[in-house]
C-alpha atoms as a PDB file:
ATOM      1  CA  UNK A   1       0.000   0.000   0.000  1.00  0.00           C
ATOM      2  CA  UNK A   2       2.768   2.462   0.904  1.00  0.00           C
ATOM      3  CA  UNK A   3       4.502   1.874  -2.418  1.00  0.00           C
ATOM      4  CA  UNK A   4       1.267   2.658  -4.288  1.00  0.00           C
ATOM      5  CA  UNK A   5       0.710   5.714  -2.087  1.00  0.00           C
ATOM      6  CA  UNK A   6       4.234   6.971  -2.777  1.00  0.00           C
ATOM      7  CA  UNK A   7       3.843   6.435  -6.523  1.00  0.00           C
ATOM      8  CA  UNK A   8       0.536   8.306  -6.591  1.00  0.00           C
ATOM      9  CA  UNK A   9       1.965  11.174  -4.535  1.00  0.00           C
ATOM     10  CA  UNK A  10       5.058  11.455  -6.726  1.00  0.00           C
ATOM     11  CA  UNK A  11       3.046  11.435  -9.946  1.00  0.00           C
ATOM     12  CA  UNK A  12       0.667  14.050  -8.537  1.00  0.00           C
ATOM     13  CA  UNK A  13       3.576  16.246  -7.469  1.00  0.00           C
ATOM     14  CA  UNK A  14       5.181  16.141 -10.921  1.00  0.00           C
ATOM     15  CA  UNK A  15       1.837  16.630 -12.654  1.00  0.00           C
ATOM     16  CA  UNK A  16       1.000  19.643 -10.483  1.00  0.00           C
ATOM     17  CA  UNK A  17       4.345  21.349 -11.039  1.00  0.00           C
ATOM     18  CA  UNK A  18       4.007  20.802 -14.790  1.00  0.00           C
ATOM     19  CA  UNK A  19       0.613  22.503 -14.950  1.00  0.00           C
ATOM     20  CA  UNK A  20       0.929  25.909 -16.683  1.00  0.00           C
ATOM     21  CA  UNK A  21      -1.191  27.579 -13.996  1.00  0.00           C
ATOM     22  CA  UNK A  22       1.391  26.560 -11.375  1.00  0.00           C
ATOM     23  CA  UNK A  23       4.141  28.604 -12.991  1.00  0.00           C
ATOM     24  CA  UNK A  24       1.784  31.477 -13.833  1.00  0.00           C
ATOM     25  CA  UNK A  25       0.646  31.849 -10.222  1.00  0.00           C
ATOM     26  CA  UNK A  26       4.241  31.603  -8.966  1.00  0.00           C
ATOM     27  CA  UNK A  27       5.326  34.361 -11.322  1.00  0.00           C
ATOM     28  CA  UNK A  28       2.278  36.514 -10.518  1.00  0.00           C
ATOM     29  CA  UNK A  29       2.901  36.135  -6.790  1.00  0.00           C
ATOM     30  CA  UNK A  30       6.527  37.204  -7.232  1.00  0.00           C
ATOM     31  CA  UNK A  31       5.480  40.302  -9.154  1.00  0.00           C
ATOM     32  CA  UNK A  32       2.872  41.162  -6.515  1.00  0.00           C
ATOM     33  CA  UNK A  33       5.461  40.811  -3.748  1.00  0.00           C
ATOM     34  CA  UNK A  34       7.716  43.250  -5.591  1.00  0.00           C
ATOM     35  CA  UNK A  35       4.792  45.624  -6.166  1.00  0.00           C
ATOM     36  CA  UNK A  36       3.902  45.504  -2.455  1.00  0.00           C
ATOM     37  CA  UNK A  37       7.179  47.259  -1.640  1.00  0.00           C
ATOM     38  CA  UNK A  38       5.898  50.370  -3.415  1.00  0.00           C
ATOM     39  CA  UNK A  39       2.202  49.996  -2.557  1.00  0.00           C
ATOM     40  CA  UNK A  40       2.921  49.861   1.179  1.00  0.00           C
ATOM     41  CA  UNK A  41       4.215  53.424   1.018  1.00  0.00           C
ATOM     42  CA  UNK A  42       0.707  54.785   0.422  1.00  0.00           C
ATOM     43  CA  UNK A  43      -0.279  54.939   4.067  1.00  0.00           C
ATOM     44  CA  UNK A  44      -0.321  57.665   6.681  1.00  0.00           C
ATOM     45  CA  UNK A  45       0.635  55.389   9.576  1.00  0.00           C
ATOM     46  CA  UNK A  46       2.804  52.267   9.729  1.00  0.00           C
ATOM     47  CA  UNK A  47       4.206  51.328   6.316  1.00  0.00           C
ATOM     48  CA  UNK A  48       5.937  48.204   7.627  1.00  0.00           C
ATOM     49  CA  UNK A  49       2.656  46.866   9.023  1.00  0.00           C
ATOM     50  CA  UNK A  50       1.000  47.284   5.645  1.00  0.00           C
ATOM     51  CA  UNK A  51       3.936  45.552   3.932  1.00  0.00           C
ATOM     52  CA  UNK A  52       3.614  42.565   6.256  1.00  0.00           C
ATOM     53  CA  UNK A  53      -0.157  42.498   5.818  1.00  0.00           C
ATOM     54  CA  UNK A  54       0.076  42.681   2.026  1.00  0.00           C
ATOM     55  CA  UNK A  55       2.784  40.031   1.919  1.00  0.00           C
ATOM     56  CA  UNK A  56       0.954  37.511   4.081  1.00  0.00           C
ATOM     57  CA  UNK A  57      -2.317  38.190   2.238  1.00  0.00           C
ATOM     58  CA  UNK A  58      -0.556  37.556  -1.068  1.00  0.00           C
ATOM     59  CA  UNK A  59       0.773  34.241   0.278  1.00  0.00           C
ATOM     60  CA  UNK A  60      -2.708  33.209   1.393  1.00  0.00           C
ATOM     61  CA  UNK A  61      -4.382  34.159  -1.907  1.00  0.00           C
ATOM     62  CA  UNK A  62      -1.635  32.456  -3.906  1.00  0.00           C
ATOM     63  CA  UNK A  63      -2.133  29.268  -1.885  1.00  0.00           C
ATOM     64  CA  UNK A  64      -5.908  29.527  -2.361  1.00  0.00           C
ATOM     65  CA  UNK A  65      -5.720  29.744  -6.163  1.00  0.00           C
ATOM     66  CA  UNK A  66      -2.989  27.115  -6.423  1.00  0.00           C
ATOM     67  CA  UNK A  67      -5.011  24.719  -4.256  1.00  0.00           C
ATOM     68  CA  UNK A  68      -8.218  25.142  -6.256  1.00  0.00           C
ATOM     69  CA  UNK A  69      -6.698  24.986  -9.743  1.00  0.00           C
ATOM     70  CA  UNK A  70      -4.221  22.207  -8.947  1.00  0.00           C
ATOM     71  CA  UNK A  71      -6.759  20.004  -7.146  1.00  0.00           C
ATOM     72  CA  UNK A  72      -9.165  20.119 -10.071  1.00  0.00           C
ATOM     73  CA  UNK A  73      -6.293  19.360 -12.417  1.00  0.00           C
ATOM     74  CA  UNK A  74      -5.300  16.181 -10.608  1.00  0.00           C
ATOM     75  CA  UNK A  75      -8.767  14.865  -9.657  1.00  0.00           C
ATOM     76  CA  UNK A  76     -11.830  16.324 -11.401  1.00  0.00           C
ATOM     77  CA  UNK A  77     -10.106  16.549 -14.783  1.00  0.00           C
ATOM     78  CA  UNK A  78      -8.983  12.920 -14.479  1.00  0.00           C
ATOM     79  CA  UNK A  79     -12.561  11.930 -13.686  1.00  0.00           C
ATOM     80  CA  UNK A  80     -13.879  13.869 -16.698  1.00  0.00           C
ATOM     81  CA  UNK A  81     -11.247  12.371 -19.005  1.00  0.00           C
ATOM     82  CA  UNK A  82     -11.793   8.840 -17.597  1.00  0.00           C
ATOM     83  CA  UNK A  83      -8.061   8.498 -16.916  1.00  0.00           C
ATOM     84  CA  UNK A  84      -8.824   7.777 -13.269  1.00  0.00           C
ATOM     85  CA  UNK A  85     -10.083   4.358 -14.368  1.00  0.00           C
ATOM     86  CA  UNK A  86      -6.539   3.248 -15.172  1.00  0.00           C
ATOM     87  CA  UNK A  87      -5.623   3.791 -11.521  1.00  0.00           C
ATOM     88  CA  UNK A  88      -8.586   2.525  -9.520  1.00  0.00           C
ATOM     89  CA  UNK A  89      -9.044  -0.481 -11.815  1.00  0.00           C
ATOM     90  CA  UNK A  90      -5.713  -1.694 -10.444  1.00  0.00           C
ATOM     91  CA  UNK A  91      -5.351  -2.808  -6.809  1.00  0.00           C
ATOM     92  CA  UNK A  92      -5.525   0.819  -5.601  1.00  0.00           C
ATOM     93  CA  UNK A  93      -8.378   1.609  -3.233  1.00  0.00           C
ATOM     94  CA  UNK A  94     -10.228   4.890  -3.491  1.00  0.00           C
ATOM     95  CA  UNK A  95      -9.077   6.117  -0.061  1.00  0.00           C
ATOM     96  CA  UNK A  96      -5.450   5.497  -1.078  1.00  0.00           C
ATOM     97  CA  UNK A  97      -6.109   7.374  -4.308  1.00  0.00           C
ATOM     98  CA  UNK A  98      -7.449  10.448  -2.446  1.00  0.00           C
ATOM     99  CA  UNK A  99      -4.672  10.418   0.170  1.00  0.00           C
ATOM    100  CA  UNK A 100      -1.988   9.995  -2.488  1.00  0.00           C
ATOM    101  CA  UNK A 101      -3.388  12.902  -4.497  1.00  0.00           C
ATOM    102  CA  UNK A 102      -3.514  15.055  -1.362  1.00  0.00           C
ATOM    103  CA  UNK A 103       0.062  14.251  -0.336  1.00  0.00           C
ATOM    104  CA  UNK A 104       1.369  15.021  -3.817  1.00  0.00           C
ATOM    105  CA  UNK A 105      -0.645  18.247  -3.974  1.00  0.00           C
ATOM    106  CA  UNK A 106       0.631  19.359  -0.562  1.00  0.00           C
ATOM    107  CA  UNK A 107       4.216  18.658  -1.625  1.00  0.00           C
ATOM    108  CA  UNK A 108       3.804  20.834  -4.730  1.00  0.00           C
ATOM    109  CA  UNK A 109       2.048  23.579  -2.738  1.00  0.00           C
ATOM    110  CA  UNK A 110       4.796  23.482  -0.116  1.00  0.00           C
ATOM    111  CA  UNK A 111       7.463  24.066  -2.762  1.00  0.00           C
ATOM    112  CA  UNK A 112       5.468  26.969  -4.216  1.00  0.00           C
ATOM    113  CA  UNK A 113       4.790  28.435  -0.781  1.00  0.00           C
ATOM    114  CA  UNK A 114       8.461  28.109   0.165  1.00  0.00           C
ATOM    115  CA  UNK A 115       9.548  30.003  -2.948  1.00  0.00           C
ATOM    116  CA  UNK A 116       6.907  32.678  -2.369  1.00  0.00           C
ATOM    117  CA  UNK A 117       8.016  32.962   1.267  1.00  0.00           C
ATOM    118  CA  UNK A 118      11.621  33.557   0.192  1.00  0.00           C
ATOM    119  CA  UNK A 119      10.450  36.408  -2.044  1.00  0.00           C
ATOM    120  CA  UNK A 120       8.364  37.731   0.870  1.00  0.00           C
ATOM    121  CA  UNK A 121      11.417  37.661   3.152  1.00  0.00           C
ATOM    122  CA  UNK A 122      13.449  39.568   0.576  1.00  0.00           C
ATOM    123  CA  UNK A 123      10.634  42.113   0.211  1.00  0.00           C
ATOM    124  CA  UNK A 124      10.466  42.658   3.982  1.00  0.00           C
ATOM    125  CA  UNK A 125      14.249  42.991   4.137  1.00  0.00           C
ATOM    126  CA  UNK A 126      14.126  45.546   1.299  1.00  0.00           C
ATOM    127  CA  UNK A 127      11.595  47.665   3.155  1.00  0.00           C
ATOM    128  CA  UNK A 128       8.998  50.119   1.915  1.00  0.00           C
ATOM    129  CA  UNK A 129       9.800  52.544  -0.891  1.00  0.00           C
ATOM    130  CA  UNK A 130       8.344  55.606   0.846  1.00  0.00           C
ATOM    131  CA  UNK A 131       9.645  58.082  -1.753  1.00  0.00           C
ATOM    132  CA  UNK A 132      11.407  58.128  -5.101  1.00  0.00           C
ATOM    133  CA  UNK A 133      14.583  59.141  -3.284  1.00  0.00           C
ATOM    134  CA  UNK A 134      14.509  56.051  -1.052  1.00  0.00           C
ATOM    135  CA  UNK A 135      17.561  53.944  -1.961  1.00  0.00           C
ATOM    136  CA  UNK A 136      17.049  50.414  -3.221  1.00  0.00           C
ATOM    137  CA  UNK A 137      18.384  47.487  -1.276  1.00  0.00           C
ATOM    138  CA  UNK A 138      21.097  46.510  -3.741  1.00  0.00           C
ATOM    139  CA  UNK A 139      21.963  43.035  -2.353  1.00  0.00           C
ATOM    140  CA  UNK A 140      18.285  42.057  -2.458  1.00  0.00           C
ATOM    141  CA  UNK A 141      17.985  42.972  -6.133  1.00  0.00           C
ATOM    142  CA  UNK A 142      21.328  41.476  -7.147  1.00  0.00           C
ATOM    143  CA  UNK A 143      21.025  38.189  -5.241  1.00  0.00           C
ATOM    144  CA  UNK A 144      17.256  37.700  -5.605  1.00  0.00           C
ATOM    145  CA  UNK A 145      16.962  38.945  -9.175  1.00  0.00           C
ATOM    146  CA  UNK A 146      20.095  37.081 -10.188  1.00  0.00           C
ATOM    147  CA  UNK A 147      18.770  33.781  -8.801  1.00  0.00           C
ATOM    148  CA  UNK A 148      15.493  34.141 -10.713  1.00  0.00           C
ATOM    149  CA  UNK A 149      17.224  35.233 -13.938  1.00  0.00           C
ATOM    150  CA  UNK A 150      19.742  32.377 -13.873  1.00  0.00           C
ATOM    151  CA  UNK A 151      16.953  29.885 -13.205  1.00  0.00           C
ATOM    152  CA  UNK A 152      14.898  31.083 -16.175  1.00  0.00           C
ATOM    153  CA  UNK A 153      17.907  31.022 -18.488  1.00  0.00           C
ATOM    154  CA  UNK A 154      18.925  27.536 -17.300  1.00  0.00           C
ATOM    155  CA  UNK A 155      15.338  26.280 -17.618  1.00  0.00           C
ATOM    156  CA  UNK A 156      15.056  27.603 -21.165  1.00  0.00           C
ATOM    157  CA  UNK A 157      18.452  26.114 -22.060  1.00  0.00           C
ATOM    158  CA  UNK A 158      17.550  22.651 -20.716  1.00  0.00           C
ATOM    159  CA  UNK A 159      14.161  22.805 -22.408  1.00  0.00           C
ATOM    160  CA  UNK A 160      15.558  23.753 -25.817  1.00  0.00           C
ATOM    161  CA  UNK A 161      18.619  21.512 -25.947  1.00  0.00           C
ATOM    162  CA  UNK A 162      17.614  18.545 -23.771  1.00  0.00           C
ATOM    163  CA  UNK A 163      13.798  18.546 -23.994  1.00  0.00           C
ATOM    164  CA  UNK A 164      13.317  18.949 -20.241  1.00  0.00           C
ATOM    165  CA  UNK A 165      10.022  20.383 -19.028  1.00  0.00           C
ATOM    166  CA  UNK A 166      10.571  24.119 -18.553  1.00  0.00           C
ATOM    167  CA  UNK A 167       8.570  24.748 -15.357  1.00  0.00           C
ATOM    168  CA  UNK A 168       9.842  21.594 -13.633  1.00  0.00           C
ATOM    169  CA  UNK A 169      13.524  22.253 -14.261  1.00  0.00           C
ATOM    170  CA  UNK A 170      13.143  25.965 -13.486  1.00  0.00           C
ATOM    171  CA  UNK A 171      11.535  25.244 -10.114  1.00  0.00           C
ATOM    172  CA  UNK A 172      14.245  22.676  -9.372  1.00  0.00           C
ATOM    173  CA  UNK A 173      16.970  25.247 -10.083  1.00  0.00           C
ATOM    174  CA  UNK A 174      15.397  28.337  -8.520  1.00  0.00           C
ATOM    175  CA  UNK A 175      14.657  26.641  -5.173  1.00  0.00           C
ATOM    176  CA  UNK A 176      18.303  26.196  -4.046  1.00  0.00           C
ATOM    177  CA  UNK A 177      19.477  29.375  -5.788  1.00  0.00           C
ATOM    178  CA  UNK A 178      16.864  31.580  -4.132  1.00  0.00           C
ATOM    179  CA  UNK A 179      17.604  29.946  -0.787  1.00  0.00           C
ATOM    180  CA  UNK A 180      21.281  30.813  -1.181  1.00  0.00           C
ATOM    181  CA  UNK A 181      20.289  34.335  -2.237  1.00  0.00           C
ATOM    182  CA  UNK A 182      18.275  34.869   0.952  1.00  0.00           C
ATOM    183  CA  UNK A 183      21.122  33.519   3.077  1.00  0.00           C
ATOM    184  CA  UNK A 184      23.670  35.632   1.208  1.00  0.00           C
ATOM    185  CA  UNK A 185      21.763  38.879   1.676  1.00  0.00           C
ATOM    186  CA  UNK A 186      22.188  38.527   5.425  1.00  0.00           C
ATOM    187  CA  UNK A 187      25.896  39.368   5.168  1.00  0.00           C
ATOM    188  CA  UNK A 188      25.389  42.841   3.668  1.00  0.00           C
ATOM    189  CA  UNK A 189      23.666  46.112   4.341  1.00  0.00           C
ATOM    190  CA  UNK A 190      21.570  47.939   1.785  1.00  0.00           C
ATOM    191  CA  UNK A 191      24.639  49.484   0.118  1.00  0.00           C
ATOM    192  CA  UNK A 192      26.945  46.451   0.366  1.00  0.00           C
ATOM    193  CA  UNK A 193      28.438  47.427   3.724  1.00  0.00           C
ATOM    194  CA  UNK A 194      29.445  44.478   5.879  1.00  0.00           C
ATOM    195  CA  UNK A 195      27.106  43.868   8.833  1.00  0.00           C
ATOM    196  CA  UNK A 196      26.741  41.184  11.515  1.00  0.00           C
ATOM    197  CA  UNK A 197      25.056  38.204   9.913  1.00  0.00           C
ATOM    198  CA  UNK A 198      21.224  38.503   9.808  1.00  0.00           C
ATOM    199  CA  UNK A 199      21.257  41.681  11.909  1.00  0.00           C
ATOM    200  CA  UNK A 200      19.158  43.507   9.280  1.00  0.00           C
ATOM    201  CA  UNK A 201      16.694  40.730   8.543  1.00  0.00           C
ATOM    202  CA  UNK A 202      13.217  39.509   9.329  1.00  0.00           C
ATOM    203  CA  UNK A 203      12.561  38.335  12.874  1.00  0.00           C
ATOM    204  CA  UNK A 204      11.501  34.925  14.044  1.00  0.00           C
ATOM    205  CA  UNK A 205       7.945  36.135  14.604  1.00  0.00           C
ATOM    206  CA  UNK A 206       7.593  36.885  10.890  1.00  0.00           C
ATOM    207  CA  UNK A 207       8.734  33.326  10.114  1.00  0.00           C
ATOM    208  CA  UNK A 208       6.147  31.980  12.570  1.00  0.00           C
ATOM    209  CA  UNK A 209       3.421  34.120  10.970  1.00  0.00           C
ATOM    210  CA  UNK A 210       4.405  32.765   7.559  1.00  0.00           C
ATOM    211  CA  UNK A 211       4.217  29.192   8.860  1.00  0.00           C
ATOM    212  CA  UNK A 212       0.722  29.818  10.256  1.00  0.00           C
ATOM    213  CA  UNK A 213      -0.385  31.059   6.838  1.00  0.00           C
ATOM    214  CA  UNK A 214       1.003  27.844   5.364  1.00  0.00           C
ATOM    215  CA  UNK A 215      -1.226  25.914   7.753  1.00  0.00           C
ATOM    216  CA  UNK A 216      -4.200  27.831   6.364  1.00  0.00           C
ATOM    217  CA  UNK A 217      -3.095  26.917   2.832  1.00  0.00           C
ATOM    218  CA  UNK A 218      -2.850  23.228   3.785  1.00  0.00           C
ATOM    219  CA  UNK A 219      -6.369  23.364   5.206  1.00  0.00           C
ATOM    220  CA  UNK A 220      -7.578  25.022   1.994  1.00  0.00           C
ATOM    221  CA  UNK A 221      -5.929  22.283  -0.064  1.00  0.00           C
ATOM    222  CA  UNK A 222      -7.906  19.613   1.773  1.00  0.00           C
ATOM    223  CA  UNK A 223     -11.122  21.518   1.024  1.00  0.00           C
ATOM    224  CA  UNK A 224     -10.092  21.758  -2.633  1.00  0.00           C
ATOM    225  CA  UNK A 225      -9.473  17.998  -2.783  1.00  0.00           C
ATOM    226  CA  UNK A 226     -12.886  17.281  -1.256  1.00  0.00           C
ATOM    227  CA  UNK A 227     -14.675  19.710  -3.580  1.00  0.00           C
ATOM    228  CA  UNK A 228     -12.910  18.482  -6.713  1.00  0.00           C
ATOM    229  CA  UNK A 229     -14.207  14.934  -6.192  1.00  0.00           C
ATOM    230  CA  UNK A 230     -17.666  16.205  -7.129  1.00  0.00           C
ATOM    231  CA  UNK A 231     -17.212  19.635  -8.720  1.00  0.00           C
ATOM    232  CA  UNK A 232     -15.432  21.284 -11.604  1.00  0.00           C
ATOM    233  CA  UNK A 233     -12.774  23.969 -11.556  1.00  0.00           C
ATOM    234  CA  UNK A 234     -14.977  27.046 -11.133  1.00  0.00           C
ATOM    235  CA  UNK A 235     -17.187  25.501  -8.464  1.00  0.00           C
ATOM    236  CA  UNK A 236     -14.146  24.256  -6.542  1.00  0.00           C
ATOM    237  CA  UNK A 237     -12.629  27.745  -6.633  1.00  0.00           C
ATOM    238  CA  UNK A 238     -15.894  29.268  -5.368  1.00  0.00           C
ATOM    239  CA  UNK A 239     -16.124  26.727  -2.530  1.00  0.00           C
ATOM    240  CA  UNK A 240     -12.500  27.288  -1.482  1.00  0.00           C
ATOM    241  CA  UNK A 241     -12.932  31.065  -1.613  1.00  0.00           C
ATOM    242  CA  UNK A 242     -16.093  30.827   0.460  1.00  0.00           C
ATOM    243  CA  UNK A 243     -14.445  28.608   3.076  1.00  0.00           C
ATOM    244  CA  UNK A 244     -11.418  30.912   3.349  1.00  0.00           C
ATOM    245  CA  UNK A 245     -13.624  34.012   3.505  1.00  0.00           C
ATOM    246  CA  UNK A 246     -15.853  32.548   6.214  1.00  0.00           C
ATOM    247  CA  UNK A 247     -12.797  31.255   8.055  1.00  0.00           C
ATOM    248  CA  UNK A 248     -11.264  34.727   8.176  1.00  0.00           C
ATOM    249  CA  UNK A 249     -14.424  36.349   9.616  1.00  0.00           C
ATOM    250  CA  UNK A 250     -15.534  33.344  11.685  1.00  0.00           C
ATOM    251  CA  UNK A 251     -14.775  34.947  15.054  1.00  0.00           C
ATOM    252  CA  UNK A 252     -16.694  38.111  14.180  1.00  0.00           C
ATOM    253  CA  UNK A 253     -19.558  36.526  12.273  1.00  0.00           C
ATOM    254  CA  UNK A 254     -20.308  33.481  14.438  1.00  0.00           C
ATOM    255  CA  UNK A 255     -18.340  33.783  17.670  1.00  0.00           C
ATOM    256  CA  UNK A 256     -20.080  36.771  19.270  1.00  0.00           C
ATOM    257  CA  UNK A 257     -23.721  35.724  19.141  1.00  0.00           C
ATOM    258  CA  UNK A 258     -24.601  35.337  22.831  1.00  0.00           C
ATOM    259  CA  UNK A 259     -28.364  35.420  22.384  1.00  0.00           C
ATOM    260  CA  UNK A 260     -30.843  32.594  22.776  1.00  0.00           C
ATOM    261  CA  UNK A 261     -32.898  30.657  20.322  1.00  0.00           C
ATOM    262  CA  UNK A 262     -32.345  29.417  16.794  1.00  0.00           C
ATOM    263  CA  UNK A 263     -29.964  32.240  15.846  1.00  0.00           C
ATOM    264  CA  UNK A 264     -27.524  31.401  18.633  1.00  0.00           C
ATOM    265  CA  UNK A 265     -27.716  27.688  17.824  1.00  0.00           C
ATOM    266  CA  UNK A 266     -26.990  28.306  14.140  1.00  0.00           C
ATOM    267  CA  UNK A 267     -24.113  30.649  14.979  1.00  0.00           C
ATOM    268  CA  UNK A 268     -22.597  28.109  17.355  1.00  0.00           C
ATOM    269  CA  UNK A 269     -22.924  25.348  14.764  1.00  0.00           C
ATOM    270  CA  UNK A 270     -21.333  27.474  12.041  1.00  0.00           C
ATOM    271  CA  UNK A 271     -18.546  28.545  14.395  1.00  0.00           C
ATOM    272  CA  UNK A 272     -17.602  24.936  15.114  1.00  0.00           C
ATOM    273  CA  UNK A 273     -18.052  23.622  11.553  1.00  0.00           C
ATOM    274  CA  UNK A 274     -16.315  26.347   9.543  1.00  0.00           C
ATOM    275  CA  UNK A 275     -12.493  26.145   9.721  1.00  0.00           C
ATOM    276  CA  UNK A 276     -11.331  29.179  11.689  1.00  0.00           C
ATOM    277  CA  UNK A 277      -8.454  31.016  10.023  1.00  0.00           C
ATOM    278  CA  UNK A 278      -8.525  33.937  12.468  1.00  0.00           C
ATOM    279  CA  UNK A 279      -6.087  32.366  14.980  1.00  0.00           C
ATOM    280  CA  UNK A 280      -3.653  31.743  12.104  1.00  0.00           C
ATOM    281  CA  UNK A 281      -3.506  35.460  11.239  1.00  0.00           C
ATOM    282  CA  UNK A 282      -1.152  37.120  13.740  1.00  0.00           C
ATOM    283  CA  UNK A 283       0.057  40.149  11.767  1.00  0.00           C
ATOM    284  CA  UNK A 284      -1.456  42.588  14.288  1.00  0.00           C
ATOM    285  CA  UNK A 285       0.760  41.234  17.051  1.00  0.00           C
ATOM    286  CA  UNK A 286       3.849  41.403  14.837  1.00  0.00           C
ATOM    287  CA  UNK A 287       3.668  45.166  14.483  1.00  0.00           C
ATOM    288  CA  UNK A 288       3.192  45.813  18.211  1.00  0.00           C
ATOM    289  CA  UNK A 289       6.463  44.071  19.022  1.00  0.00           C
ATOM    290  CA  UNK A 290       5.919  43.432  22.732  1.00  0.00           C
ATOM    291  CA  UNK A 291       6.414  40.314  24.821  1.00  0.00           C
ATOM    292  CA  UNK A 292       2.651  40.080  25.374  1.00  0.00           C
ATOM    293  CA  UNK A 293       1.948  39.883  21.633  1.00  0.00           C
ATOM    294  CA  UNK A 294       4.774  37.469  20.744  1.00  0.00           C
ATOM    295  CA  UNK A 295       3.547  34.104  19.436  1.00  0.00           C
ATOM    296  CA  UNK A 296       4.854  31.319  21.719  1.00  0.00           C
ATOM    297  CA  UNK A 297       5.759  27.890  20.401  1.00  0.00           C
ATOM    298  CA  UNK A 298       2.952  26.358  22.440  1.00  0.00           C
ATOM    299  CA  UNK A 299       0.473  28.407  20.421  1.00  0.00           C
ATOM    300  CA  UNK A 300       2.120  27.203  17.198  1.00  0.00           C
ATOM    301  CA  UNK A 301       1.750  23.621  18.417  1.00  0.00           C
ATOM    302  CA  UNK A 302      -1.949  24.084  19.195  1.00  0.00           C
ATOM    303  CA  UNK A 303      -2.524  25.721  15.808  1.00  0.00           C
ATOM    304  CA  UNK A 304      -0.734  22.866  14.036  1.00  0.00           C
ATOM    305  CA  UNK A 305      -2.819  20.276  15.894  1.00  0.00           C
ATOM    306  CA  UNK A 306      -6.036  22.180  15.111  1.00  0.00           C
ATOM    307  CA  UNK A 307      -5.264  22.398  11.398  1.00  0.00           C
ATOM    308  CA  UNK A 308      -4.174  18.743  11.376  1.00  0.00           C
ATOM    309  CA  UNK A 309      -7.503  17.617  12.836  1.00  0.00           C
ATOM    310  CA  UNK A 310      -9.495  19.817  10.447  1.00  0.00           C
ATOM    311  CA  UNK A 311      -7.494  18.486   7.505  1.00  0.00           C
ATOM    312  CA  UNK A 312      -8.036  14.867   8.538  1.00  0.00           C
ATOM    313  CA  UNK A 313     -11.762  15.506   8.907  1.00  0.00           C
ATOM    314  CA  UNK A 314     -12.048  17.125   5.478  1.00  0.00           C
ATOM    315  CA  UNK A 315      -9.995  14.315   3.905  1.00  0.00           C
ATOM    316  CA  UNK A 316     -12.395  11.835   5.474  1.00  0.00           C
ATOM    317  CA  UNK A 317     -15.245  13.759   3.825  1.00  0.00           C
ATOM    318  CA  UNK A 318     -13.336  13.659   0.515  1.00  0.00           C
ATOM    319  CA  UNK A 319     -12.974   9.879   0.769  1.00  0.00           C
ATOM    320  CA  UNK A 320     -16.699   9.524   1.509  1.00  0.00           C
ATOM    321  CA  UNK A 321     -17.639  11.749  -1.452  1.00  0.00           C
ATOM    322  CA  UNK A 322     -15.323   9.879  -3.834  1.00  0.00           C
ATOM    323  CA  UNK A 323     -16.363   6.420  -2.586  1.00  0.00           C
ATOM    324  CA  UNK A 324     -19.684   6.554  -4.436  1.00  0.00           C
ATOM    325  CA  UNK A 325     -18.513   8.741  -7.319  1.00  0.00           C
ATOM    326  CA  UNK A 326     -19.254   7.302 -10.721  1.00  0.00           C
ATOM    327  CA  UNK A 327     -16.050   7.396 -12.758  1.00  0.00           C
ATOM    328  CA  UNK A 328     -16.867   4.982 -15.556  1.00  0.00           C
END
């Protein structure tokens, strides 16, 4: 069983990375992260807070669209094209099929989220462009831009001369290069002056906030897998958007109804059924910068356990929905 699960996950991972929408969303997210550096300057209060908020929001939206489009590509499209029959007609149970697809999808989303997070870290290190006279962070542009440029050139070269898939080889090259770029930036100041390593860099709380957003993306991916067993691409995207939207406002929409009667019962039911993304959004505490607002590791552990349980529950629903799905 584990061999079949691994094979399904690996094939799903490769198939997801090769989808054109995967590379398009990665590139669009990178451009938005760069644009955020200038957009965050249009505020009359805390520019850095807006930069963090825009960056984390971009990560969440990127994960939402990647989850919806990729899930339909690896499940609902296979059902429509009848290619799923070649898998489940073999000794592969439907639960193993769903779990394998989910694991492969999460692996591909994790790679995309990791790359987007590296760009986010570079954007935060660069800081807000408050005026046209604000100097650029030269190491960020040289290291980050150089890593992306080299990866595109190498991907095009391997595609033209060796027939390798462009998006797959580009992602494989840009992942280590961009990692080295982020690590290399920590040695220099904004004008190439030598500084203590990582002294002018993002703090650990920003990394924790990014990880919590990844948990929200993983939860969204499970919803996308469940929806794609019965729905097409557009419907899956609408369902995922609705779940994320309700999850963001869950505390305000359902958690404050203290009245009696049917309204309170419905609010309580919705509050416990809808995945709550509010506790995973800690950007307000990041900008305060006090000990009271710092996110402890115990909180991260509770959040991870909560998202893990929600994800398992939604995957169980996906298995139940796919169990009676007609695929012939």
